[in-house]
Amino acid sequence: PALPPTEEERSWVAALCRISASAASPGFGCVVAPGDEGPPNPSLARRVVDFCQIAAARWPELGEPSLAPLPGAGSTLCVDPGCGFWARGRSRYVQALGRYVGFLE
């Protein structure tokens, strides 16, 4: 049987959800596959940048998010999903969610 999420994982996911809600962002759950971008969404990009800035301040061990121009959206910046900050945060997020899902199965 799978183990339940640890107290640290539960606390981290709860804080992440609060930050996501405060920034109106999907947080680390927001991923667009390369080549499948669709039309640019500057509003979403700005909310994800806001989320990342708050998360980086909360968890400095994740590093700093790298920003790049959102393709097709002028000067709007978006978070580079290939940066170390995103990779570390998303990995931690997916690992914690995996513990929840594994325990519920």
PDB file of N, CA and C in Angstrom:
ATOM      1  N   PRO A   1       0.827  -1.201   0.000  1.00  0.00           N
ATOM      2  CA  PRO A   1       0.000   0.000   0.000  1.00  0.00           C
ATOM      3  C   PRO A   1       0.868   1.260   0.000  1.00  0.00           C
ATOM      4  N   ALA A   2       0.383   2.260  -0.691  1.00  0.00           N
ATOM      5  CA  ALA A   2       1.107   3.532  -0.784  1.00  0.00           C
ATOM      6  C   ALA A   2       0.997   4.299   0.527  1.00  0.00           C
ATOM      7  N   LEU A   3       2.038   5.037   0.820  1.00  0.00           N
ATOM      8  CA  LEU A   3       2.043   5.869   2.018  1.00  0.00           C
ATOM      9  C   LEU A   3       1.311   7.177   1.749  1.00  0.00           C
ATOM     10  N   PRO A   4       0.664   7.722   2.766  1.00  0.00           N
ATOM     11  CA  PRO A   4      -0.005   9.020   2.582  1.00  0.00           C
ATOM     12  C   PRO A   4       1.035  10.126   2.448  1.00  0.00           C
ATOM     13  N   PRO A   5       0.617  11.279   1.961  1.00  0.00           N
ATOM     14  CA  PRO A   5       1.540  12.415   1.897  1.00  0.00           C
ATOM     15  C   PRO A   5       2.055  12.748   3.295  1.00  0.00           C
ATOM     16  N   THR A   6       3.297  13.176   3.365  1.00  0.00           N
ATOM     17  CA  THR A   6       3.870  13.574   4.648  1.00  0.00           C
ATOM     18  C   THR A   6       3.257  14.906   5.086  1.00  0.00           C
ATOM     19  N   GLU A   7       3.449  15.229   6.332  1.00  0.00           N
ATOM     20  CA  GLU A   7       2.974  16.521   6.839  1.00  0.00           C
ATOM     21  C   GLU A   7       3.631  17.661   6.058  1.00  0.00           C
ATOM     22  N   GLU A   8       4.912  17.509   5.745  1.00  0.00           N
ATOM     23  CA  GLU A   8       5.629  18.539   4.979  1.00  0.00           C
ATOM     24  C   GLU A   8       5.028  18.679   3.587  1.00  0.00           C
ATOM     25  N   GLU A   9       4.694  17.554   2.940  1.00  0.00           N
ATOM     26  CA  GLU A   9       4.076  17.613   1.607  1.00  0.00           C
ATOM     27  C   GLU A   9       2.700  18.263   1.671  1.00  0.00           C
ATOM     28  N   ARG A  10       1.912  17.897   2.672  1.00  0.00           N
ATOM     29  CA  ARG A  10       0.582  18.503   2.819  1.00  0.00           C
ATOM     30  C   ARG A  10       0.688  20.007   3.049  1.00  0.00           C
ATOM     31  N   SER A  11       1.619  20.406   3.892  1.00  0.00           N
ATOM     32  CA  SER A  11       1.813  21.826   4.180  1.00  0.00           C
ATOM     33  C   SER A  11       2.273  22.575   2.930  1.00  0.00           C
ATOM     34  N   TRP A  12       3.185  21.966   2.157  1.00  0.00           N
ATOM     35  CA  TRP A  12       3.706  22.604   0.947  1.00  0.00           C
ATOM     36  C   TRP A  12       2.599  22.768  -0.089  1.00  0.00           C
ATOM     37  N   VAL A  13       1.807  21.717  -0.303  1.00  0.00           N
ATOM     38  CA  VAL A  13       0.714  21.791  -1.283  1.00  0.00           C
ATOM     39  C   VAL A  13      -0.321  22.826  -0.839  1.00  0.00           C
ATOM     40  N   ALA A  14      -0.625  22.875   0.449  1.00  0.00           N
ATOM     41  CA  ALA A  14      -1.595  23.860   0.941  1.00  0.00           C
ATOM     42  C   ALA A  14      -1.091  25.284   0.696  1.00  0.00           C
ATOM     43  N   ALA A  15       0.188  25.537   0.988  1.00  0.00           N
ATOM     44  CA  ALA A  15       0.755  26.869   0.745  1.00  0.00           C
ATOM     45  C   ALA A  15       0.766  27.182  -0.749  1.00  0.00           C
ATOM     46  N   LEU A  16       1.107  26.193  -1.556  1.00  0.00           N
ATOM     47  CA  LEU A  16       1.117  26.377  -3.006  1.00  0.00           C
ATOM     48  C   LEU A  16      -0.279  26.727  -3.519  1.00  0.00           C
ATOM     49  N   CYS A  17      -1.288  26.054  -3.007  1.00  0.00           N
ATOM     50  CA  CYS A  17      -2.671  26.344  -3.424  1.00  0.00           C
ATOM     51  C   CYS A  17      -3.081  27.761  -3.029  1.00  0.00           C
ATOM     52  N   ARG A  18      -2.670  28.195  -1.838  1.00  0.00           N
ATOM     53  CA  ARG A  18      -2.991  29.567  -1.415  1.00  0.00           C
ATOM     54  C   ARG A  18      -2.319  30.589  -2.334  1.00  0.00           C
ATOM     55  N   ILE A  19      -1.059  30.340  -2.686  1.00  0.00           N
ATOM     56  CA  ILE A  19      -0.344  31.258  -3.576  1.00  0.00           C
ATOM     57  C   ILE A  19      -0.994  31.257  -4.954  1.00  0.00           C
ATOM     58  N   SER A  20      -1.331  30.075  -5.458  1.00  0.00           N
ATOM     59  CA  SER A  20      -1.986  29.978  -6.772  1.00  0.00           C
ATOM     60  C   SER A  20      -3.296  30.752  -6.777  1.00  0.00           C
ATOM     61  N   ALA A  21      -4.076  30.587  -5.722  1.00  0.00           N
ATOM     62  CA  ALA A  21      -5.362  31.285  -5.643  1.00  0.00           C
ATOM     63  C   ALA A  21      -5.160  32.795  -5.559  1.00  0.00           C
ATOM     64  N   SER A  22      -4.176  33.235  -4.779  1.00  0.00           N
ATOM     65  CA  SER A  22      -3.965  34.677  -4.630  1.00  0.00           C
ATOM     66  C   SER A  22      -3.505  35.318  -5.936  1.00  0.00           C
ATOM     67  N   ALA A  23      -2.804  34.553  -6.770  1.00  0.00           N
ATOM     68  CA  ALA A  23      -2.334  35.075  -8.060  1.00  0.00           C
ATOM     69  C   ALA A  23      -3.284  34.725  -9.200  1.00  0.00           C
ATOM     70  N   ALA A  24      -4.378  34.015  -8.893  1.00  0.00           N
ATOM     71  CA  ALA A  24      -5.319  33.551  -9.924  1.00  0.00           C
ATOM     72  C   ALA A  24      -4.564  32.828 -11.037  1.00  0.00           C
ATOM     73  N   SER A  25      -3.675  31.930 -10.612  1.00  0.00           N
ATOM     74  CA  SER A  25      -2.790  31.213 -11.527  1.00  0.00           C
ATOM     75  C   SER A  25      -2.923  29.714 -11.311  1.00  0.00           C
ATOM     76  N   PRO A  26      -2.716  28.925 -12.366  1.00  0.00           N
ATOM     77  CA  PRO A  26      -2.705  27.472 -12.181  1.00  0.00           C
ATOM     78  C   PRO A  26      -1.424  26.984 -11.518  1.00  0.00           C
ATOM     79  N   GLY A  27      -0.521  27.880 -11.176  1.00  0.00           N
ATOM     80  CA  GLY A  27       0.704  27.494 -10.482  1.00  0.00           C
ATOM     81  C   GLY A  27       1.569  26.572 -11.314  1.00  0.00           C
ATOM     82  N   PHE A  28       2.190  25.595 -10.653  1.00  0.00           N
ATOM     83  CA  PHE A  28       3.066  24.665 -11.351  1.00  0.00           C
ATOM     84  C   PHE A  28       2.290  23.667 -12.200  1.00  0.00           C
ATOM     85  N   GLY A  29       0.974  23.717 -12.163  1.00  0.00           N
ATOM     86  CA  GLY A  29       0.165  22.849 -13.009  1.00  0.00           C
ATOM     87  C   GLY A  29       0.032  23.377 -14.424  1.00  0.00           C
ATOM     88  N   CYS A  30       0.513  24.589 -14.667  1.00  0.00           N
ATOM     89  CA  CYS A  30       0.396  25.227 -15.980  1.00  0.00           C
ATOM     90  C   CYS A  30       1.571  24.829 -16.852  1.00  0.00           C
ATOM     91  N   VAL A  31       1.321  23.959 -17.818  1.00  0.00           N
ATOM     92  CA  VAL A  31       2.380  23.533 -18.727  1.00  0.00           C
ATOM     93  C   VAL A  31       1.825  23.517 -20.136  1.00  0.00           C
ATOM     94  N   VAL A  32       2.565  24.067 -21.058  1.00  0.00           N
ATOM     95  CA  VAL A  32       2.190  24.036 -22.467  1.00  0.00           C
ATOM     96  C   VAL A  32       3.281  23.276 -23.193  1.00  0.00           C
ATOM     97  N   ALA A  33       2.899  22.248 -23.911  1.00  0.00           N
ATOM     98  CA  ALA A  33       3.877  21.454 -24.649  1.00  0.00           C
ATOM     99  C   ALA A  33       4.468  22.271 -25.786  1.00  0.00           C
ATOM    100  N   PRO A  34       5.783  22.157 -26.010  1.00  0.00           N
ATOM    101  CA  PRO A  34       6.390  22.874 -27.137  1.00  0.00           C
ATOM    102  C   PRO A  34       5.680  22.520 -28.438  1.00  0.00           C
ATOM    103  N   GLY A  35       5.407  23.530 -29.239  1.00  0.00           N
ATOM    104  CA  GLY A  35       4.716  23.314 -30.507  1.00  0.00           C
ATOM    105  C   GLY A  35       3.209  23.289 -30.372  1.00  0.00           C
ATOM    106  N   ASP A  36       2.694  23.376 -29.126  1.00  0.00           N
ATOM    107  CA  ASP A  36       1.253  23.321 -28.894  1.00  0.00           C
ATOM    108  C   ASP A  36       0.793  24.562 -28.140  1.00  0.00           C
ATOM    109  N   GLU A  37       1.428  25.676 -28.427  1.00  0.00           N
ATOM    110  CA  GLU A  37       1.171  26.891 -27.664  1.00  0.00           C
ATOM    111  C   GLU A  37      -0.207  27.487 -27.894  1.00  0.00           C
ATOM    112  N   GLY A  38      -0.737  27.379 -29.098  1.00  0.00           N
ATOM    113  CA  GLY A  38      -2.008  28.029 -29.389  1.00  0.00           C
ATOM    114  C   GLY A  38      -1.818  29.534 -29.387  1.00  0.00           C
ATOM    115  N   PRO A  39      -2.902  30.276 -29.391  1.00  0.00           N
ATOM    116  CA  PRO A  39      -2.761  31.737 -29.379  1.00  0.00           C
ATOM    117  C   PRO A  39      -2.192  32.197 -28.036  1.00  0.00           C
ATOM    118  N   PRO A  40      -1.374  33.251 -28.037  1.00  0.00           N
ATOM    119  CA  PRO A  40      -0.799  33.729 -26.779  1.00  0.00           C
ATOM    120  C   PRO A  40      -1.888  34.238 -25.840  1.00  0.00           C
ATOM    121  N   ASN A  41      -1.670  34.031 -24.558  1.00  0.00           N
ATOM    122  CA  ASN A  41      -2.612  34.478 -23.543  1.00  0.00           C
ATOM    123  C   ASN A  41      -1.843  35.363 -22.552  1.00  0.00           C
ATOM    124  N   PRO A  42      -1.699  36.652 -22.874  1.00  0.00           N
ATOM    125  CA  PRO A  42      -0.918  37.544 -22.009  1.00  0.00           C
ATOM    126  C   PRO A  42      -1.428  37.608 -20.570  1.00  0.00           C
ATOM    127  N   SER A  43      -2.732  37.555 -20.380  1.00  0.00           N
ATOM    128  CA  SER A  43      -3.289  37.625 -19.031  1.00  0.00           C
ATOM    129  C   SER A  43      -2.839  36.426 -18.196  1.00  0.00           C
ATOM    130  N   LEU A  44      -2.918  35.242 -18.768  1.00  0.00           N
ATOM    131  CA  LEU A  44      -2.471  34.042 -18.061  1.00  0.00           C
ATOM    132  C   LEU A  44      -0.970  34.116 -17.803  1.00  0.00           C
ATOM    133  N   ALA A  45      -0.208  34.552 -18.790  1.00  0.00           N
ATOM    134  CA  ALA A  45       1.247  34.654 -18.622  1.00  0.00           C
ATOM    135  C   ALA A  45       1.588  35.570 -17.452  1.00  0.00           C
ATOM    136  N   ARG A  46       0.920  36.707 -17.348  1.00  0.00           N
ATOM    137  CA  ARG A  46       1.184  37.643 -16.243  1.00  0.00           C
ATOM    138  C   ARG A  46       0.819  37.021 -14.895  1.00  0.00           C
ATOM    139  N   ARG A  47      -0.279  36.279 -14.847  1.00  0.00           N
ATOM    140  CA  ARG A  47      -0.678  35.645 -13.580  1.00  0.00           C
ATOM    141  C   ARG A  47       0.320  34.567 -13.163  1.00  0.00           C
ATOM    142  N   VAL A  48       0.841  33.816 -14.129  1.00  0.00           N
ATOM    143  CA  VAL A  48       1.839  32.789 -13.805  1.00  0.00           C
ATOM    144  C   VAL A  48       3.137  33.455 -13.344  1.00  0.00           C
ATOM    145  N   VAL A  49       3.527  34.561 -13.966  1.00  0.00           N
ATOM    146  CA  VAL A  49       4.711  35.305 -13.513  1.00  0.00           C
ATOM    147  C   VAL A  49       4.485  35.790 -12.081  1.00  0.00           C
ATOM    148  N   ASP A  50       3.316  36.332 -11.782  1.00  0.00           N
ATOM    149  CA  ASP A  50       3.003  36.774 -10.415  1.00  0.00           C
ATOM    150  C   ASP A  50       3.124  35.609  -9.438  1.00  0.00           C
ATOM    151  N   PHE A  51       2.538  34.469  -9.798  1.00  0.00           N
ATOM    152  CA  PHE A  51       2.625  33.272  -8.961  1.00  0.00           C
ATOM    153  C   PHE A  51       4.088  32.920  -8.697  1.00  0.00           C
ATOM    154  N   CYS A  52       4.896  32.893  -9.750  1.00  0.00           N
ATOM    155  CA  CYS A  52       6.298  32.496  -9.619  1.00  0.00           C
ATOM    156  C   CYS A  52       7.080  33.456  -8.732  1.00  0.00           C
ATOM    157  N   GLN A  53       6.802  34.735  -8.831  1.00  0.00           N
ATOM    158  CA  GLN A  53       7.503  35.707  -7.993  1.00  0.00           C
ATOM    159  C   GLN A  53       7.154  35.503  -6.519  1.00  0.00           C
ATOM    160  N   ILE A  54       5.891  35.229  -6.230  1.00  0.00           N
ATOM    161  CA  ILE A  54       5.482  34.971  -4.842  1.00  0.00           C
ATOM    162  C   ILE A  54       6.093  33.661  -4.357  1.00  0.00           C
ATOM    163  N   ALA A  55       6.034  32.616  -5.190  1.00  0.00           N
ATOM    164  CA  ALA A  55       6.575  31.307  -4.816  1.00  0.00           C
ATOM    165  C   ALA A  55       8.087  31.377  -4.608  1.00  0.00           C
ATOM    166  N   ALA A  56       8.789  32.136  -5.441  1.00  0.00           N
ATOM    167  CA  ALA A  56      10.245  32.263  -5.299  1.00  0.00           C
ATOM    168  C   ALA A  56      10.603  32.957  -3.983  1.00  0.00           C
ATOM    169  N   ALA A  57       9.795  33.923  -3.566  1.00  0.00           N
ATOM    170  CA  ALA A  57      10.035  34.593  -2.286  1.00  0.00           C
ATOM    171  C   ALA A  57       9.746  33.643  -1.120  1.00  0.00           C
ATOM    172  N   ARG A  58       8.728  32.813  -1.276  1.00  0.00           N
ATOM    173  CA  ARG A  58       8.329  31.869  -0.214  1.00  0.00           C
ATOM    174  C   ARG A  58       9.320  30.719  -0.093  1.00  0.00           C
ATOM    175  N   TRP A  59       9.820  30.228  -1.237  1.00  0.00           N
ATOM    176  CA  TRP A  59      10.736  29.086  -1.268  1.00  0.00           C
ATOM    177  C   TRP A  59      12.003  29.456  -2.039  1.00  0.00           C
ATOM    178  N   PRO A  60      12.919  30.207  -1.418  1.00  0.00           N
ATOM    179  CA  PRO A  60      14.126  30.633  -2.132  1.00  0.00           C
ATOM    180  C   PRO A  60      14.987  29.465  -2.604  1.00  0.00           C
ATOM    181  N   GLU A  61      14.833  28.302  -1.982  1.00  0.00           N
ATOM    182  CA  GLU A  61      15.612  27.136  -2.408  1.00  0.00           C
ATOM    183  C   GLU A  61      15.261  26.686  -3.827  1.00  0.00           C
ATOM    184  N   LEU A  62      14.123  27.140  -4.348  1.00  0.00           N
ATOM    185  CA  LEU A  62      13.757  26.800  -5.729  1.00  0.00           C
ATOM    186  C   LEU A  62      14.538  27.639  -6.735  1.00  0.00           C
ATOM    187  N   GLY A  63      15.155  28.725  -6.279  1.00  0.00           N
ATOM    188  CA  GLY A  63      15.885  29.613  -7.180  1.00  0.00           C
ATOM    189  C   GLY A  63      14.980  30.714  -7.694  1.00  0.00           C
ATOM    190  N   GLU A  64      15.434  31.367  -8.734  1.00  0.00           N
ATOM    191  CA  GLU A  64      14.688  32.474  -9.335  1.00  0.00           C
ATOM    192  C   GLU A  64      14.093  32.044 -10.668  1.00  0.00           C
ATOM    193  N   PRO A  65      12.856  32.432 -10.943  1.00  0.00           N
ATOM    194  CA  PRO A  65      12.275  32.099 -12.249  1.00  0.00           C
ATOM    195  C   PRO A  65      12.942  32.899 -13.366  1.00  0.00           C
ATOM    196  N   SER A  66      13.133  32.248 -14.494  1.00  0.00           N
ATOM    197  CA  SER A  66      13.636  32.936 -15.685  1.00  0.00           C
ATOM    198  C   SER A  66      12.443  33.376 -16.514  1.00  0.00           C
ATOM    199  N   LEU A  67      12.491  34.604 -16.986  1.00  0.00           N
ATOM    200  CA  LEU A  67      11.400  35.153 -17.787  1.00  0.00           C
ATOM    201  C   LEU A  67      11.871  35.362 -19.216  1.00  0.00           C
ATOM    202  N   ALA A  68      10.932  35.244 -20.138  1.00  0.00           N
ATOM    203  CA  ALA A  68      11.212  35.438 -21.562  1.00  0.00           C
ATOM    204  C   ALA A  68       9.982  36.063 -22.198  1.00  0.00           C
ATOM    205  N   PRO A  69      10.136  36.718 -23.345  1.00  0.00           N
ATOM    206  CA  PRO A  69       8.962  37.273 -24.033  1.00  0.00           C
ATOM    207  C   PRO A  69       7.990  36.159 -24.431  1.00  0.00           C
ATOM    208  N   LEU A  70       6.711  36.425 -24.257  1.00  0.00           N
ATOM    209  CA  LEU A  70       5.680  35.486 -24.689  1.00  0.00           C
ATOM    210  C   LEU A  70       5.582  35.581 -26.205  1.00  0.00           C
ATOM    211  N   PRO A  71       5.843  34.492 -26.919  1.00  0.00           N
ATOM    212  CA  PRO A  71       5.805  34.549 -28.388  1.00  0.00           C
ATOM    213  C   PRO A  71       4.467  35.082 -28.896  1.00  0.00           C
ATOM    214  N   GLY A  72       4.539  36.054 -29.767  1.00  0.00           N
ATOM    215  CA  GLY A  72       3.344  36.619 -30.378  1.00  0.00           C
ATOM    216  C   GLY A  72       2.588  37.599 -29.516  1.00  0.00           C
ATOM    217  N   ALA A  73       3.167  37.990 -28.358  1.00  0.00           N
ATOM    218  CA  ALA A  73       2.443  38.880 -27.447  1.00  0.00           C
ATOM    219  C   ALA A  73       3.247  40.129 -27.105  1.00  0.00           C
ATOM    220  N   GLY A  74       4.019  40.607 -28.049  1.00  0.00           N
ATOM    221  CA  GLY A  74       4.753  41.851 -27.828  1.00  0.00           C
ATOM    222  C   GLY A  74       5.726  41.763 -26.681  1.00  0.00           C
ATOM    223  N   SER A  75       5.611  42.689 -25.732  1.00  0.00           N
ATOM    224  CA  SER A  75       6.566  42.759 -24.624  1.00  0.00           C
ATOM    225  C   SER A  75       6.119  41.980 -23.390  1.00  0.00           C
ATOM    226  N   THR A  76       5.010  41.249 -23.479  1.00  0.00           N
ATOM    227  CA  THR A  76       4.537  40.466 -22.333  1.00  0.00           C
ATOM    228  C   THR A  76       5.547  39.369 -22.015  1.00  0.00           C
ATOM    229  N   LEU A  77       5.903  39.268 -20.734  1.00  0.00           N
ATOM    230  CA  LEU A  77       6.839  38.236 -20.307  1.00  0.00           C
ATOM    231  C   LEU A  77       6.095  37.012 -19.806  1.00  0.00           C
ATOM    232  N   CYS A  78       6.742  35.869 -19.960  1.00  0.00           N
ATOM    233  CA  CYS A  78       6.207  34.623 -19.415  1.00  0.00           C
ATOM    234  C   CYS A  78       7.354  33.885 -18.733  1.00  0.00           C
ATOM    235  N   VAL A  79       7.020  32.907 -17.930  1.00  0.00           N
ATOM    236  CA  VAL A  79       8.031  32.109 -17.254  1.00  0.00           C
ATOM    237  C   VAL A  79       8.544  31.056 -18.224  1.00  0.00           C
ATOM    238  N   ASP A  80       9.865  30.895 -18.252  1.00  0.00           N
ATOM    239  CA  ASP A  80      10.483  29.863 -19.080  1.00  0.00           C
ATOM    240  C   ASP A  80      10.290  28.523 -18.378  1.00  0.00           C
ATOM    241  N   PRO A  81       9.473  27.609 -18.943  1.00  0.00           N
ATOM    242  CA  PRO A  81       9.238  26.332 -18.270  1.00  0.00           C
ATOM    243  C   PRO A  81      10.473  25.438 -18.237  1.00  0.00           C
ATOM    244  N   GLY A  82      11.538  25.828 -18.932  1.00  0.00           N
ATOM    245  CA  GLY A  82      12.779  25.064 -18.899  1.00  0.00           C
ATOM    246  C   GLY A  82      13.757  25.544 -17.839  1.00  0.00           C
ATOM    247  N   CYS A  83      13.395  26.603 -17.107  1.00  0.00           N
ATOM    248  CA  CYS A  83      14.327  27.136 -16.104  1.00  0.00           C
ATOM    249  C   CYS A  83      14.348  26.244 -14.863  1.00  0.00           C
ATOM    250  N   GLY A  84      15.436  26.358 -14.100  1.00  0.00           N
ATOM    251  CA  GLY A  84      15.610  25.538 -12.908  1.00  0.00           C
ATOM    252  C   GLY A  84      14.523  25.747 -11.873  1.00  0.00           C
ATOM    253  N   PHE A  85      14.095  26.994 -11.694  1.00  0.00           N
ATOM    254  CA  PHE A  85      13.028  27.281 -10.731  1.00  0.00           C
ATOM    255  C   PHE A  85      11.784  26.464 -11.061  1.00  0.00           C
ATOM    256  N   TRP A  86      11.361  26.537 -12.332  1.00  0.00           N
ATOM    257  CA  TRP A  86      10.146  25.833 -12.745  1.00  0.00           C
ATOM    258  C   TRP A  86      10.334  24.325 -12.607  1.00  0.00           C
ATOM    259  N   ALA A  87      11.483  23.816 -13.023  1.00  0.00           N
ATOM    260  CA  ALA A  87      11.741  22.373 -12.953  1.00  0.00           C
ATOM    261  C   ALA A  87      11.706  21.882 -11.507  1.00  0.00           C
ATOM    262  N   ARG A  88      12.351  22.604 -10.595  1.00  0.00           N
ATOM    263  CA  ARG A  88      12.364  22.188  -9.188  1.00  0.00           C
ATOM    264  C   ARG A  88      10.972  22.296  -8.564  1.00  0.00           C
ATOM    265  N   GLY A  89      10.279  23.401  -8.818  1.00  0.00           N
ATOM    266  CA  GLY A  89       8.943  23.578  -8.250  1.00  0.00           C
ATOM    267  C   GLY A  89       7.949  22.570  -8.791  1.00  0.00           C
ATOM    268  N   ARG A  90       7.968  22.373 -10.105  1.00  0.00           N
ATOM    269  CA  ARG A  90       7.037  21.420 -10.713  1.00  0.00           C
ATOM    270  C   ARG A  90       7.329  19.998 -10.251  1.00  0.00           C
ATOM    271  N   SER A  91       8.602  19.645 -10.126  1.00  0.00           N
ATOM    272  CA  SER A  91       8.964  18.310  -9.658  1.00  0.00           C
ATOM    273  C   SER A  91       8.428  18.068  -8.244  1.00  0.00           C
ATOM    274  N   ARG A  92       8.615  19.052  -7.388  1.00  0.00           N
ATOM    275  CA  ARG A  92       8.122  18.929  -6.011  1.00  0.00           C
ATOM    276  C   ARG A  92       6.594  18.826  -5.996  1.00  0.00           C
ATOM    277  N   TYR A  93       5.945  19.616  -6.828  1.00  0.00           N
ATOM    278  CA  TYR A  93       4.482  19.602  -6.933  1.00  0.00           C
ATOM    279  C   TYR A  93       3.982  18.242  -7.424  1.00  0.00           C
ATOM    280  N   VAL A  94       4.567  17.744  -8.494  1.00  0.00           N
ATOM    281  CA  VAL A  94       4.134  16.467  -9.070  1.00  0.00           C
ATOM    282  C   VAL A  94       4.410  15.323  -8.096  1.00  0.00           C
ATOM    283  N   GLN A  95       5.538  15.372  -7.403  1.00  0.00           N
ATOM    284  CA  GLN A  95       5.852  14.333  -6.426  1.00  0.00           C
ATOM    285  C   GLN A  95       4.805  14.313  -5.307  1.00  0.00           C
ATOM    286  N   ALA A  96       4.468  15.485  -4.793  1.00  0.00           N
ATOM    287  CA  ALA A  96       3.471  15.554  -3.719  1.00  0.00           C
ATOM    288  C   ALA A  96       2.107  15.081  -4.210  1.00  0.00           C
ATOM    289  N   LEU A  97       1.703  15.513  -5.403  1.00  0.00           N
ATOM    290  CA  LEU A  97       0.416  15.060  -5.940  1.00  0.00           C
ATOM    291  C   LEU A  97       0.416  13.558  -6.166  1.00  0.00           C
ATOM    292  N   GLY A  98       1.552  13.025  -6.596  1.00  0.00           N
ATOM    293  CA  GLY A  98       1.664  11.579  -6.784  1.00  0.00           C
ATOM    294  C   GLY A  98       1.423  10.819  -5.494  1.00  0.00           C
ATOM    295  N   ARG A  99       1.909  11.369  -4.389  1.00  0.00           N
ATOM    296  CA  ARG A  99       1.670  10.725  -3.089  1.00  0.00           C
ATOM    297  C   ARG A  99       0.177  10.734  -2.752  1.00  0.00           C
ATOM    298  N   TYR A 100      -0.487  11.844  -3.023  1.00  0.00           N
ATOM    299  CA  TYR A 100      -1.931  11.911  -2.789  1.00  0.00           C
ATOM    300  C   TYR A 100      -2.658  10.880  -3.643  1.00  0.00           C
ATOM    301  N   VAL A 101      -2.375  10.864  -4.928  1.00  0.00           N
ATOM    302  CA  VAL A 101      -3.064   9.957  -5.852  1.00  0.00           C
ATOM    303  C   VAL A 101      -2.762   8.509  -5.495  1.00  0.00           C
ATOM    304  N   GLY A 102      -1.493   8.197  -5.231  1.00  0.00           N
ATOM    305  CA  GLY A 102      -1.120   6.830  -4.875  1.00  0.00           C
ATOM    306  C   GLY A 102      -1.826   6.350  -3.626  1.00  0.00           C
ATOM    307  N   PHE A 103      -1.966   7.228  -2.654  1.00  0.00           N
ATOM    308  CA  PHE A 103      -2.631   6.857  -1.410  1.00  0.00           C
ATOM    309  C   PHE A 103      -4.127   6.651  -1.612  1.00  0.00           C
ATOM    310  N   LEU A 104      -4.725   7.399  -2.520  1.00  0.00           N
ATOM    311  CA  LEU A 104      -6.171   7.306  -2.750  1.00  0.00           C
ATOM    312  C   LEU A 104      -6.564   6.117  -3.624  1.00  0.00           C
ATOM    313  N   GLU A 105      -5.604   5.559  -4.344  1.00  0.00           N
ATOM    314  CA  GLU A 105      -5.945   4.443  -5.246  1.00  0.00           C
ATOM    315  C   GLU A 105      -6.266   3.175  -4.499  1.00  0.00           C
TER     316      GLU A 105
END
